[in-house]
Amino acid sequence: MLTGHGSVLLEQASRILGNHSHFAPEIARVNFKKWKVLQKLGRAAEAELCSREALKIHRSIHANDKRSLEEMTDDDFDKDIMFWSR
């Protein structure tokens, strides 16, 4: 489990989204962000799991994108998310 307020929110998002395929972009984004946090915390094994999941989902959406996760930015994951407002 991650620590800190932002990390708690990432864990909560993971639980809420689950493995529902219609949330694939959101799940990829959460895993990308968790990967970045876990790397900074020095938790390489957990970070690796998140990176694999983020890449797998991202490539299922963008099959022609062969970049590594290190080459991607938040924008690469944000652009696939539908943000709703009132």
Protein backbone atom coordinates (compact mmCIF):
# COMPACT_ATOMS: atom_id res chain seq x y z
CA MET A 1 0.00 0.00 0.00
CA LEU A 2 1.16 3.52 -0.76
CA THR A 3 1.46 6.24 1.86
CA GLY A 4 0.49 9.92 1.84
CA HIS A 5 -2.76 11.62 0.84
CA GLY A 6 -2.21 11.47 -2.93
CA SER A 7 -1.19 7.86 -2.70
CA VAL A 8 -4.31 7.03 -0.73
CA LEU A 9 -6.37 8.56 -3.52
CA LEU A 10 -4.56 6.44 -6.13
CA GLU A 11 -5.25 3.29 -4.12
CA GLN A 12 -8.90 4.29 -3.77
CA ALA A 13 -9.15 4.91 -7.52
CA SER A 14 -7.69 1.45 -8.19
CA ARG A 15 -10.32 -0.18 -5.99
CA ILE A 16 -13.20 1.81 -7.49
CA LEU A 17 -12.20 1.19 -11.12
CA GLY A 18 -11.48 -2.49 -10.57
CA ASN A 19 -10.87 -4.43 -13.77
CA HIS A 20 -13.79 -3.07 -15.78
CA SER A 21 -12.72 -2.83 -19.41
CA HIS A 22 -14.77 0.31 -20.04
CA PHE A 23 -12.46 2.09 -17.55
CA ALA A 24 -9.28 0.98 -19.36
CA PRO A 25 -7.94 4.52 -19.93
CA GLU A 26 -8.54 5.43 -16.29
CA ILE A 27 -6.92 2.21 -15.04
CA ALA A 28 -3.88 2.82 -17.26
CA ARG A 29 -3.60 6.38 -15.91
CA VAL A 30 -3.84 5.26 -12.27
CA ASN A 31 -1.15 2.62 -12.85
CA PHE A 32 1.09 5.17 -14.57
CA LYS A 33 0.78 7.54 -11.63
CA LYS A 34 1.29 4.73 -9.09
CA TRP A 35 4.41 3.68 -11.02
CA LYS A 36 5.85 7.18 -10.66
CA VAL A 37 5.10 7.33 -6.92
CA LEU A 38 6.44 3.84 -6.22
CA GLN A 39 9.64 4.63 -8.10
CA LYS A 40 10.21 7.70 -5.94
CA LEU A 41 9.59 5.61 -2.82
CA GLY A 42 12.21 3.09 -3.98
CA ARG A 43 9.70 0.25 -4.27
CA ALA A 44 10.98 -1.13 -7.55
CA ALA A 45 9.12 -4.47 -7.59
CA GLU A 46 5.72 -2.84 -7.02
CA ALA A 47 6.56 -0.07 -9.50
CA GLU A 48 7.40 -2.70 -12.13
CA LEU A 49 3.97 -4.32 -11.75
CA CYS A 50 2.24 -0.98 -12.21
CA SER A 51 4.40 -0.09 -15.20
CA ARG A 52 3.60 -3.38 -16.94
CA GLU A 53 -0.13 -2.88 -16.40
CA ALA A 54 -0.03 0.76 -17.55
CA LEU A 55 1.88 -0.17 -20.72
CA LYS A 56 -0.31 -3.18 -21.49
CA ILE A 57 -3.48 -1.13 -21.30
CA HIS A 58 -2.03 1.91 -23.07
CA ARG A 59 -0.82 -0.27 -25.95
CA SER A 60 -4.21 -1.97 -26.20
CA ILE A 61 -5.66 1.49 -26.84
CA HIS A 62 -2.73 2.87 -28.90
CA ALA A 63 -1.28 -0.14 -30.70
CA ASN A 64 1.18 1.93 -32.75
CA ASP A 65 2.71 3.67 -29.72
CA LYS A 66 5.92 1.73 -29.02
CA ARG A 67 7.47 4.23 -26.59
CA SER A 68 8.65 3.09 -23.19
CA LEU A 69 6.87 4.31 -20.08
CA GLU A 70 9.87 6.51 -19.31
CA GLU A 71 9.23 8.37 -22.57
CA MET A 72 5.59 9.04 -21.75
CA THR A 73 4.10 11.91 -19.79
CA ASP A 74 0.90 12.50 -17.85
CA ASP A 75 -0.58 14.00 -21.03
CA ASP A 76 -0.24 10.67 -22.83
CA PHE A 77 -2.61 9.14 -20.29
CA ASP A 78 -4.79 12.20 -19.60
CA LYS A 79 -5.84 12.61 -23.23
CA ASP A 80 -7.80 9.34 -23.15
CA ILE A 81 -9.86 10.32 -20.11
CA MET A 82 -13.35 11.78 -20.40
CA PHE A 83 -13.55 14.51 -17.78
CA TRP A 84 -17.07 15.44 -16.80
CA SER A 85 -18.22 18.75 -15.39
CA ARG A 86 -21.52 20.30 -14.51
